[in-house]
Amino acid sequence: MIQHKMEPDELEYLLDISGRTPYWICRQLFCDAVFSNYLEIAKDVGATLPSLMFIAEHWQGIAKPFVEAHLPGYDTYVMGGHLMFYEYPEKWNRVLEDFLNKL
């Protein structure tokens, strides 16, 4: 999830904020991620709205070709890991702002 070596204080912070989510919401989010398929909805979104997909570096070999093949209306940007917005906020916000400014 994180690409850099975390200090104990940072790990404690992330565990603390993660632990604030009630278990029934965590369970639902997990089940939704594992058992749901939103590909058709994502296709409709990309066909009708400007869309941006951030792809984690460790998934780029699989995810980028998949998005390009199945979601041709999407802009893609590869960076960081699962928590790229946390670890690289300036870069993430710059990419998002550039995308929004093109609208």
C-alpha atoms as a PDB file:
ATOM      1  CA  MET A   1       0.000   0.000   0.000  1.00  0.00           C
ATOM      2  CA  ILE A   2       2.761   2.455   0.926  1.00  0.00           C
ATOM      3  CA  GLN A   3       5.940   2.658  -1.125  1.00  0.00           C
ATOM      4  CA  HIS A   4       8.153   4.394   1.425  1.00  0.00           C
ATOM      5  CA  LYS A   5       9.419   3.079   4.746  1.00  0.00           C
ATOM      6  CA  MET A   6       6.956   4.209   7.381  1.00  0.00           C
ATOM      7  CA  GLU A   7       7.992   5.537  10.722  1.00  0.00           C
ATOM      8  CA  PRO A   8       6.136   4.089  13.744  1.00  0.00           C
ATOM      9  CA  ASP A   9       4.155   7.329  14.223  1.00  0.00           C
ATOM     10  CA  GLU A  10       2.902   7.251  10.648  1.00  0.00           C
ATOM     11  CA  LEU A  11       1.907   3.596  10.922  1.00  0.00           C
ATOM     12  CA  GLU A  12       0.076   4.323  14.173  1.00  0.00           C
ATOM     13  CA  TYR A  13      -1.763   7.218  12.497  1.00  0.00           C
ATOM     14  CA  LEU A  14      -2.868   5.106   9.516  1.00  0.00           C
ATOM     15  CA  LEU A  15      -3.984   2.242  11.746  1.00  0.00           C
ATOM     16  CA  ASP A  16      -5.887   4.678  13.944  1.00  0.00           C
ATOM     17  CA  ILE A  17      -7.847   6.303  11.127  1.00  0.00           C
ATOM     18  CA  SER A  18      -8.440   2.915   9.477  1.00  0.00           C
ATOM     19  CA  GLY A  19      -9.745   1.496  12.736  1.00  0.00           C
ATOM     20  CA  ARG A  20     -12.411   4.184  13.005  1.00  0.00           C
ATOM     21  CA  THR A  21     -14.506   2.618  10.256  1.00  0.00           C
ATOM     22  CA  PRO A  22     -17.222   0.439  11.840  1.00  0.00           C
ATOM     23  CA  TYR A  23     -16.795  -3.276  11.157  1.00  0.00           C
ATOM     24  CA  TRP A  24     -20.120  -3.587   9.310  1.00  0.00           C
ATOM     25  CA  ILE A  25     -19.006  -0.924   6.826  1.00  0.00           C
ATOM     26  CA  CYS A  26     -15.605  -2.616   6.374  1.00  0.00           C
ATOM     27  CA  ARG A  27     -17.342  -5.918   5.729  1.00  0.00           C
ATOM     28  CA  GLN A  28     -19.653  -4.368   3.147  1.00  0.00           C
ATOM     29  CA  LEU A  29     -16.835  -2.553   1.361  1.00  0.00           C
ATOM     30  CA  PHE A  30     -14.789  -5.754   1.238  1.00  0.00           C
ATOM     31  CA  CYS A  31     -17.696  -7.847  -0.059  1.00  0.00           C
ATOM     32  CA  ASP A  32     -18.567  -5.201  -2.623  1.00  0.00           C
ATOM     33  CA  ALA A  33     -14.965  -5.142  -3.864  1.00  0.00           C
ATOM     34  CA  VAL A  34     -14.706  -8.929  -4.063  1.00  0.00           C
ATOM     35  CA  PHE A  35     -18.128  -9.904  -5.403  1.00  0.00           C
ATOM     36  CA  SER A  36     -19.264  -6.967  -7.544  1.00  0.00           C
ATOM     37  CA  ASN A  37     -18.552  -6.254 -11.184  1.00  0.00           C
ATOM     38  CA  TYR A  38     -19.047  -2.649 -12.241  1.00  0.00           C
ATOM     39  CA  LEU A  39     -17.497  -2.977 -15.698  1.00  0.00           C
ATOM     40  CA  GLU A  40     -20.702  -2.209 -17.614  1.00  0.00           C
ATOM     41  CA  ILE A  41     -21.401   0.814 -15.425  1.00  0.00           C
ATOM     42  CA  ALA A  42     -17.800   1.994 -15.881  1.00  0.00           C
ATOM     43  CA  LYS A  43     -18.189   1.628 -19.667  1.00  0.00           C
ATOM     44  CA  ASP A  44     -21.327   3.783 -19.579  1.00  0.00           C
ATOM     45  CA  VAL A  45     -19.556   6.383 -17.458  1.00  0.00           C
ATOM     46  CA  GLY A  46     -16.560   6.543 -19.792  1.00  0.00           C
ATOM     47  CA  ALA A  47     -18.817   6.771 -22.832  1.00  0.00           C
ATOM     48  CA  THR A  48     -20.794   9.715 -21.462  1.00  0.00           C
ATOM     49  CA  LEU A  49     -18.494  11.583 -19.052  1.00  0.00           C
ATOM     50  CA  PRO A  50     -14.827  12.573 -18.969  1.00  0.00           C
ATOM     51  CA  SER A  51     -13.176   9.937 -16.780  1.00  0.00           C
ATOM     52  CA  LEU A  52      -9.798   9.515 -15.114  1.00  0.00           C
ATOM     53  CA  MET A  53      -8.434   6.247 -13.755  1.00  0.00           C
ATOM     54  CA  PHE A  54      -5.456   6.264 -11.397  1.00  0.00           C
ATOM     55  CA  ILE A  55      -3.567   2.973 -11.578  1.00  0.00           C
ATOM     56  CA  ALA A  56      -1.117   1.793  -8.926  1.00  0.00           C
ATOM     57  CA  GLU A  57       2.376   1.082 -10.247  1.00  0.00           C
ATOM     58  CA  HIS A  58       2.295  -2.532  -9.060  1.00  0.00           C
ATOM     59  CA  TRP A  59      -0.879  -3.152 -11.129  1.00  0.00           C
ATOM     60  CA  GLN A  60       0.077  -1.236 -14.265  1.00  0.00           C
ATOM     61  CA  GLY A  61       1.085  -4.318 -16.271  1.00  0.00           C
ATOM     62  CA  ILE A  62      -2.416  -5.764 -15.887  1.00  0.00           C
ATOM     63  CA  ALA A  63      -4.648  -2.780 -15.170  1.00  0.00           C
ATOM     64  CA  LYS A  64      -3.454  -0.307 -17.792  1.00  0.00           C
ATOM     65  CA  PRO A  65      -3.967  -2.694 -20.763  1.00  0.00           C
ATOM     66  CA  PHE A  66      -7.317  -3.764 -19.277  1.00  0.00           C
ATOM     67  CA  VAL A  67      -8.549  -0.179 -18.911  1.00  0.00           C
ATOM     68  CA  GLU A  68      -7.316   0.737 -22.390  1.00  0.00           C
ATOM     69  CA  ALA A  69      -9.065  -2.296 -23.905  1.00  0.00           C
ATOM     70  CA  HIS A  70     -12.341  -2.155 -21.982  1.00  0.00           C
ATOM     71  CA  LEU A  71     -12.687   1.502 -21.006  1.00  0.00           C
ATOM     72  CA  PRO A  72     -11.402   3.459 -24.010  1.00  0.00           C
ATOM     73  CA  GLY A  73     -12.996   6.727 -22.879  1.00  0.00           C
ATOM     74  CA  TYR A  74     -10.837   6.906 -19.753  1.00  0.00           C
ATOM     75  CA  ASP A  75      -7.649   8.870 -19.253  1.00  0.00           C
ATOM     76  CA  THR A  76      -5.202   6.826 -17.202  1.00  0.00           C
ATOM     77  CA  TYR A  77      -2.364   7.809 -14.930  1.00  0.00           C
ATOM     78  CA  VAL A  78       0.056   5.389 -13.265  1.00  0.00           C
ATOM     79  CA  MET A  79       1.578   6.322  -9.936  1.00  0.00           C
ATOM     80  CA  GLY A  80       2.304   5.067  -6.437  1.00  0.00           C
ATOM     81  CA  GLY A  81       0.449   2.324  -4.658  1.00  0.00           C
ATOM     82  CA  HIS A  82      -2.960   1.830  -3.120  1.00  0.00           C
ATOM     83  CA  LEU A  83      -2.701   5.004  -1.018  1.00  0.00           C
ATOM     84  CA  MET A  84      -1.175   7.174  -3.765  1.00  0.00           C
ATOM     85  CA  PHE A  85      -3.332  10.163  -2.791  1.00  0.00           C
ATOM     86  CA  TYR A  86      -1.903   9.990   0.738  1.00  0.00           C
ATOM     87  CA  GLU A  87       1.697   9.283  -0.161  1.00  0.00           C
ATOM     88  CA  TYR A  88       1.968  11.654  -3.142  1.00  0.00           C
ATOM     89  CA  PRO A  89      -0.673  14.342  -2.511  1.00  0.00           C
ATOM     90  CA  GLU A  90       0.975  17.097  -4.571  1.00  0.00           C
ATOM     91  CA  LYS A  91       1.427  14.874  -7.619  1.00  0.00           C
ATOM     92  CA  TRP A  92      -2.028  13.297  -7.259  1.00  0.00           C
ATOM     93  CA  ASN A  93      -3.719  16.693  -6.944  1.00  0.00           C
ATOM     94  CA  ARG A  94      -1.727  18.093  -9.896  1.00  0.00           C
ATOM     95  CA  VAL A  95      -2.834  15.206 -12.136  1.00  0.00           C
ATOM     96  CA  LEU A  96      -6.440  15.631 -11.001  1.00  0.00           C
ATOM     97  CA  GLU A  97      -6.343  19.409 -11.485  1.00  0.00           C
ATOM     98  CA  ASP A  98      -4.825  19.018 -14.968  1.00  0.00           C
ATOM     99  CA  PHE A  99      -7.599  16.586 -15.868  1.00  0.00           C
ATOM    100  CA  LEU A 100     -10.304  18.896 -14.501  1.00  0.00           C
ATOM    101  CA  ASN A 101      -8.832  21.925 -16.255  1.00  0.00           C
ATOM    102  CA  LYS A 102      -9.207  20.137 -19.611  1.00  0.00           C
ATOM    103  CA  LEU A 103     -12.980  19.901 -19.104  1.00  0.00           C
END
